[in-house]
Structures are given as structure tokens and as C-alpha cells.
Amino acid sequence: MVDGVRARDWSLSRAGRESARAFAHGLNLGTATAVYCSAEPKAVETAAFVAAAAGLPVIVDERLDEHRRGVVTTTDDGESFRERVERVLRHPEVHSFGEESGDQARTRFAAAIADISDRDPERVVVVVSHGTVIALFAEQDVEQRVALWTSLKMPDAVSLK
């Protein structure tokens, strides 16, 4: 979290760029034909490393953006960023944090994944996105959703069938 800065405006740090570059070279993208990513700078930067390592183009799709939260600040009531995100993961039907509910974020993200998958159903789909929206999309069970989100490293990969 960068206090007072919209999450969608965060960029990778120097260490983040080094991690993304090393991560990209360790991936096997199989039959992928492109790397799709959110429009957020940190995802575009990571996707560029992944695409360069695999010799693929990058395609930006704003529907792959993170759960839209606006400017995130430290709260006076002591609620942490983690607690706010976990609330979204546990109760996605409630608009409790940010500009959209968890369900709205999942619906937006799922539409993008469906469109991308429909373009070439026999290929591996590579998406660079963000932990909260990925967890909302990937897991129906609340505890598994929270566990997935808390287990993700930066960067990390999730394989879905």
C-alpha cells in the first residue's frame, strides 16, 4: 500500500522490477500467443517482462484491473489495509471498500477472461493482474479465497483450468 495514492497508480519499485524480470524468465508459457494485462502500471511493467521473455505481444485490458479501491489511506479506527481487503473477499456482495464491490470486480474480470479465452480456446491464456481480483475470480469458497490472497507473493502465478 502507498498511503494516499490510488492503487491503480502504483508502479513497481526497483526491487519489484528485478523480481518481475527474474520471475518472467522462469515461466513456461506453452502455447500462449499474447500476454494480457490490466492497465495499471505495475501490471503493464510486469507483463512487459513476461512478454519479452517469451517473445509475445502485450495486450492491455482495463477489465483485468484490480478491485477498484480509489485512494487508500491509513484509517483512524485502526483497520488495516489487509483487514479491508479480507472484508471484500469474505463479503463480496457488500460494497464496503473502494469504488466497487467484490462481486462487481469479479464480474468485470470474469467477462475479460471469457472474452480472451473465446478468442483462441486451444491456447494457454496468460494474464497479468492483481491478487484481490484474481482471488475473487478463482475461488468460490470464502476461506480458500482468503487463503489464496494471503499466500500470493509479488509476483506470483496462479494456474486455472
C-alpha atoms as a PDB file:
ATOM      1  CA  MET A   1       0.000   0.000   0.000  1.00  0.00           C
ATOM      2  CA  VAL A   2       1.182   3.509  -0.802  1.00  0.00           C
ATOM      3  CA  ASP A   3      -0.651   5.779   1.627  1.00  0.00           C
ATOM      4  CA  GLY A   4      -2.683   8.438  -0.172  1.00  0.00           C
ATOM      5  CA  VAL A   5      -2.020   7.103  -3.701  1.00  0.00           C
ATOM      6  CA  ARG A   6      -4.612   5.200  -5.741  1.00  0.00           C
ATOM      7  CA  ALA A   7      -3.614   1.536  -6.037  1.00  0.00           C
ATOM      8  CA  ARG A   8      -4.175   1.748  -9.781  1.00  0.00           C
ATOM      9  CA  ASP A   9      -1.324   4.322  -9.951  1.00  0.00           C
ATOM     10  CA  TRP A  10       1.305   2.263  -8.128  1.00  0.00           C
ATOM     11  CA  SER A  11       4.404   1.328 -10.129  1.00  0.00           C
ATOM     12  CA  LEU A  12       6.952  -1.360  -9.468  1.00  0.00           C
ATOM     13  CA  SER A  13       9.862  -0.435  -7.243  1.00  0.00           C
ATOM     14  CA  ARG A  14      13.410  -1.190  -8.347  1.00  0.00           C
ATOM     15  CA  ALA A  15      13.251  -4.447  -6.366  1.00  0.00           C
ATOM     16  CA  GLY A  16       9.841  -5.162  -7.903  1.00  0.00           C
ATOM     17  CA  ARG A  17      11.235  -4.765 -11.417  1.00  0.00           C
ATOM     18  CA  GLU A  18      14.133  -7.094 -10.603  1.00  0.00           C
ATOM     19  CA  SER A  19      11.710  -9.678  -9.169  1.00  0.00           C
ATOM     20  CA  ALA A  20       9.397  -9.394 -12.195  1.00  0.00           C
ATOM     21  CA  ARG A  21      12.296  -9.842 -14.613  1.00  0.00           C
ATOM     22  CA  ALA A  22      13.578 -12.956 -12.790  1.00  0.00           C
ATOM     23  CA  PHE A  23      10.036 -14.331 -12.458  1.00  0.00           C
ATOM     24  CA  ALA A  24       9.366 -13.848 -16.180  1.00  0.00           C
ATOM     25  CA  HIS A  25      12.406 -15.876 -17.169  1.00  0.00           C
ATOM     26  CA  GLY A  26      11.248 -18.785 -15.031  1.00  0.00           C
ATOM     27  CA  LEU A  27       7.854 -19.162 -16.721  1.00  0.00           C
ATOM     28  CA  ASN A  28       6.899 -21.702 -19.371  1.00  0.00           C
ATOM     29  CA  LEU A  29       4.003 -20.160 -21.289  1.00  0.00           C
ATOM     30  CA  GLY A  30       3.355 -23.142 -23.525  1.00  0.00           C
ATOM     31  CA  THR A  31       1.012 -22.295 -26.394  1.00  0.00           C
ATOM     32  CA  ALA A  32       0.331 -18.693 -25.358  1.00  0.00           C
ATOM     33  CA  THR A  33       0.076 -16.164 -28.166  1.00  0.00           C
ATOM     34  CA  ALA A  34      -0.050 -12.976 -26.069  1.00  0.00           C
ATOM     35  CA  VAL A  35       0.257 -11.638 -22.546  1.00  0.00           C
ATOM     36  CA  TYR A  36      -2.913  -9.857 -21.404  1.00  0.00           C
ATOM     37  CA  CYS A  37      -2.698  -7.421 -18.544  1.00  0.00           C
ATOM     38  CA  SER A  38      -4.538  -4.814 -16.569  1.00  0.00           C
ATOM     39  CA  ALA A  39      -3.982  -1.159 -17.397  1.00  0.00           C
ATOM     40  CA  GLU A  40      -2.370  -0.481 -14.032  1.00  0.00           C
ATOM     41  CA  PRO A  41       1.336   0.489 -14.281  1.00  0.00           C
ATOM     42  CA  LYS A  42       2.611  -2.345 -12.070  1.00  0.00           C
ATOM     43  CA  ALA A  43       0.800  -4.925 -14.215  1.00  0.00           C
ATOM     44  CA  VAL A  44       1.904  -3.353 -17.503  1.00  0.00           C
ATOM     45  CA  GLU A  45       5.522  -3.341 -16.290  1.00  0.00           C
ATOM     46  CA  THR A  46       5.320  -6.979 -15.165  1.00  0.00           C
ATOM     47  CA  ALA A  47       3.594  -8.021 -18.399  1.00  0.00           C
ATOM     48  CA  ALA A  48       6.358  -6.363 -20.412  1.00  0.00           C
ATOM     49  CA  PHE A  49       8.960  -8.561 -18.689  1.00  0.00           C
ATOM     50  CA  VAL A  50       6.857 -11.706 -19.193  1.00  0.00           C
ATOM     51  CA  ALA A  51       6.161 -10.878 -22.833  1.00  0.00           C
ATOM     52  CA  ALA A  52       9.785 -10.032 -23.597  1.00  0.00           C
ATOM     53  CA  ALA A  53      10.996 -13.307 -22.058  1.00  0.00           C
ATOM     54  CA  ALA A  54       8.532 -15.283 -24.197  1.00  0.00           C
ATOM     55  CA  GLY A  55       8.647 -13.160 -27.355  1.00  0.00           C
ATOM     56  CA  LEU A  56       4.941 -12.309 -27.138  1.00  0.00           C
ATOM     57  CA  PRO A  57       2.931  -9.100 -27.520  1.00  0.00           C
ATOM     58  CA  VAL A  58       1.240  -7.372 -24.592  1.00  0.00           C
ATOM     59  CA  ILE A  59      -2.482  -6.614 -24.799  1.00  0.00           C
ATOM     60  CA  VAL A  60      -3.905  -4.235 -22.178  1.00  0.00           C
ATOM     61  CA  ASP A  61      -7.488  -4.711 -20.977  1.00  0.00           C
ATOM     62  CA  GLU A  62      -8.812  -2.447 -18.212  1.00  0.00           C
ATOM     63  CA  ARG A  63     -11.310  -5.118 -17.193  1.00  0.00           C
ATOM     64  CA  LEU A  64      -8.324  -7.006 -15.741  1.00  0.00           C
ATOM     65  CA  ASP A  65      -7.619  -4.176 -13.272  1.00  0.00           C
ATOM     66  CA  GLU A  66      -7.522  -4.791  -9.528  1.00  0.00           C
ATOM     67  CA  HIS A  67     -10.586  -4.377  -7.318  1.00  0.00           C
ATOM     68  CA  ARG A  68     -11.121  -0.635  -7.679  1.00  0.00           C
ATOM     69  CA  ARG A  69     -10.453   0.990  -4.325  1.00  0.00           C
ATOM     70  CA  GLY A  70      -9.595   4.619  -5.067  1.00  0.00           C
ATOM     71  CA  VAL A  71      -7.143   6.340  -2.737  1.00  0.00           C
ATOM     72  CA  VAL A  72      -6.193   4.080   0.153  1.00  0.00           C
ATOM     73  CA  THR A  73      -5.185   5.735   3.395  1.00  0.00           C
ATOM     74  CA  THR A  74      -4.447   4.545   6.892  1.00  0.00           C
ATOM     75  CA  THR A  75      -7.665   4.723   8.854  1.00  0.00           C
ATOM     76  CA  ASP A  76      -8.105   6.424  12.192  1.00  0.00           C
ATOM     77  CA  ASP A  77     -10.101   3.465  13.524  1.00  0.00           C
ATOM     78  CA  GLY A  78      -7.068   1.206  13.207  1.00  0.00           C
ATOM     79  CA  GLU A  79      -8.452  -1.011  10.440  1.00  0.00           C
ATOM     80  CA  SER A  80      -5.568  -2.198   8.302  1.00  0.00           C
ATOM     81  CA  PHE A  81      -5.416  -2.484   4.533  1.00  0.00           C
ATOM     82  CA  ARG A  82      -5.327  -6.254   4.943  1.00  0.00           C
ATOM     83  CA  GLU A  83      -8.484  -6.221   7.065  1.00  0.00           C
ATOM     84  CA  ARG A  84     -10.305  -4.123   4.458  1.00  0.00           C
ATOM     85  CA  VAL A  85      -9.305  -6.461   1.623  1.00  0.00           C
ATOM     86  CA  GLU A  86     -10.252  -9.530   3.658  1.00  0.00           C
ATOM     87  CA  ARG A  87     -13.680  -7.950   4.242  1.00  0.00           C
ATOM     88  CA  VAL A  88     -14.124  -7.626   0.452  1.00  0.00           C
ATOM     89  CA  LEU A  89     -13.035 -11.250  -0.004  1.00  0.00           C
ATOM     90  CA  ARG A  90     -15.336 -12.539   2.741  1.00  0.00           C
ATOM     91  CA  HIS A  91     -18.351 -10.434   1.748  1.00  0.00           C
ATOM     92  CA  PRO A  92     -18.024  -9.649  -1.970  1.00  0.00           C
ATOM     93  CA  GLU A  93     -21.738  -8.916  -2.241  1.00  0.00           C
ATOM     94  CA  VAL A  94     -21.329  -5.863   0.021  1.00  0.00           C
ATOM     95  CA  HIS A  95     -19.865  -2.613  -1.289  1.00  0.00           C
ATOM     96  CA  SER A  96     -17.637  -1.999   1.748  1.00  0.00           C
ATOM     97  CA  PHE A  97     -14.288  -0.743   0.455  1.00  0.00           C
ATOM     98  CA  GLY A  98     -13.467   1.216  -2.647  1.00  0.00           C
ATOM     99  CA  GLU A  99     -15.352   2.076  -5.784  1.00  0.00           C
ATOM    100  CA  GLU A 100     -16.902  -1.343  -6.410  1.00  0.00           C
ATOM    101  CA  SER A 101     -17.967  -4.437  -4.520  1.00  0.00           C
ATOM    102  CA  GLY A 102     -16.033  -7.671  -4.778  1.00  0.00           C
ATOM    103  CA  ASP A 103     -18.843  -9.126  -6.894  1.00  0.00           C
ATOM    104  CA  GLN A 104     -18.629  -6.194  -9.322  1.00  0.00           C
ATOM    105  CA  ALA A 105     -14.863  -6.676  -9.620  1.00  0.00           C
ATOM    106  CA  ARG A 106     -15.265 -10.437 -10.161  1.00  0.00           C
ATOM    107  CA  THR A 107     -17.946  -9.917 -12.836  1.00  0.00           C
ATOM    108  CA  ARG A 108     -15.775  -7.405 -14.710  1.00  0.00           C
ATOM    109  CA  PHE A 109     -12.715  -9.652 -14.520  1.00  0.00           C
ATOM    110  CA  ALA A 110     -14.668 -12.804 -15.490  1.00  0.00           C
ATOM    111  CA  ALA A 111     -16.034 -11.065 -18.606  1.00  0.00           C
ATOM    112  CA  ALA A 112     -12.498 -10.223 -19.690  1.00  0.00           C
ATOM    113  CA  ILE A 113     -11.263 -13.777 -19.097  1.00  0.00           C
ATOM    114  CA  ALA A 114     -14.219 -15.211 -21.040  1.00  0.00           C
ATOM    115  CA  ASP A 115     -13.563 -12.887 -23.988  1.00  0.00           C
ATOM    116  CA  ILE A 116      -9.833 -13.662 -24.001  1.00  0.00           C
ATOM    117  CA  SER A 117     -10.445 -17.416 -23.718  1.00  0.00           C
ATOM    118  CA  ASP A 118     -13.024 -17.371 -26.515  1.00  0.00           C
ATOM    119  CA  ARG A 119     -10.519 -15.825 -28.946  1.00  0.00           C
ATOM    120  CA  ASP A 120      -8.420 -18.974 -29.034  1.00  0.00           C
ATOM    121  CA  PRO A 121      -9.766 -21.724 -26.753  1.00  0.00           C
ATOM    122  CA  GLU A 122      -6.920 -24.136 -27.541  1.00  0.00           C
ATOM    123  CA  ARG A 123      -4.183 -21.789 -26.343  1.00  0.00           C
ATOM    124  CA  VAL A 124      -2.782 -21.042 -22.906  1.00  0.00           C
ATOM    125  CA  VAL A 125      -4.141 -17.721 -21.654  1.00  0.00           C
ATOM    126  CA  VAL A 126      -1.576 -15.604 -19.825  1.00  0.00           C
ATOM    127  CA  VAL A 127      -2.943 -12.772 -17.709  1.00  0.00           C
ATOM    128  CA  VAL A 128      -1.010 -10.354 -15.521  1.00  0.00           C
ATOM    129  CA  SER A 129      -3.380  -8.931 -12.968  1.00  0.00           C
ATOM    130  CA  HIS A 130      -3.776  -8.442  -9.221  1.00  0.00           C
ATOM    131  CA  GLY A 131      -4.273 -10.543  -6.124  1.00  0.00           C
ATOM    132  CA  THR A 132      -7.668  -9.440  -4.865  1.00  0.00           C
ATOM    133  CA  VAL A 133      -9.492  -9.713  -8.178  1.00  0.00           C
ATOM    134  CA  ILE A 134      -7.746 -12.998  -9.002  1.00  0.00           C
ATOM    135  CA  ALA A 135      -8.783 -14.466  -5.630  1.00  0.00           C
ATOM    136  CA  LEU A 136     -12.361 -13.262  -6.145  1.00  0.00           C
ATOM    137  CA  PHE A 137     -12.413 -14.931  -9.570  1.00  0.00           C
ATOM    138  CA  ALA A 138     -10.558 -18.145  -8.769  1.00  0.00           C
ATOM    139  CA  GLU A 139     -12.153 -19.265  -5.518  1.00  0.00           C
ATOM    140  CA  GLN A 140     -15.817 -19.680  -4.624  1.00  0.00           C
ATOM    141  CA  ASP A 141     -15.157 -20.818  -1.051  1.00  0.00           C
ATOM    142  CA  VAL A 142     -14.576 -17.831   1.232  1.00  0.00           C
ATOM    143  CA  GLU A 143     -11.780 -19.393   3.282  1.00  0.00           C
ATOM    144  CA  GLN A 144      -9.974 -20.637   0.164  1.00  0.00           C
ATOM    145  CA  ARG A 145     -10.354 -17.169  -1.383  1.00  0.00           C
ATOM    146  CA  VAL A 146      -8.740 -15.520   1.638  1.00  0.00           C
ATOM    147  CA  ALA A 147      -6.051 -18.219   1.802  1.00  0.00           C
ATOM    148  CA  LEU A 148      -5.196 -17.723  -1.876  1.00  0.00           C
ATOM    149  CA  TRP A 149      -4.954 -13.954  -1.482  1.00  0.00           C
ATOM    150  CA  THR A 150      -2.759 -14.173   1.627  1.00  0.00           C
ATOM    151  CA  SER A 151      -0.482 -16.765   0.003  1.00  0.00           C
ATOM    152  CA  LEU A 152       0.295 -14.762  -3.126  1.00  0.00           C
ATOM    153  CA  LYS A 153       3.772 -13.350  -3.486  1.00  0.00           C
ATOM    154  CA  MET A 154       4.718 -10.441  -5.730  1.00  0.00           C
ATOM    155  CA  PRO A 155       4.971 -11.567  -8.440  1.00  0.00           C
ATOM    156  CA  ASP A 156       3.311 -14.959  -8.447  1.00  0.00           C
ATOM    157  CA  ALA A 157       1.441 -17.273 -10.817  1.00  0.00           C
ATOM    158  CA  VAL A 158      -1.923 -18.974 -10.494  1.00  0.00           C
ATOM    159  CA  SER A 159      -2.818 -21.732 -12.915  1.00  0.00           C
ATOM    160  CA  LEU A 160      -6.509 -22.257 -13.624  1.00  0.00           C
ATOM    161  CA  LYS A 161      -8.025 -24.990 -15.735  1.00  0.00           C
END
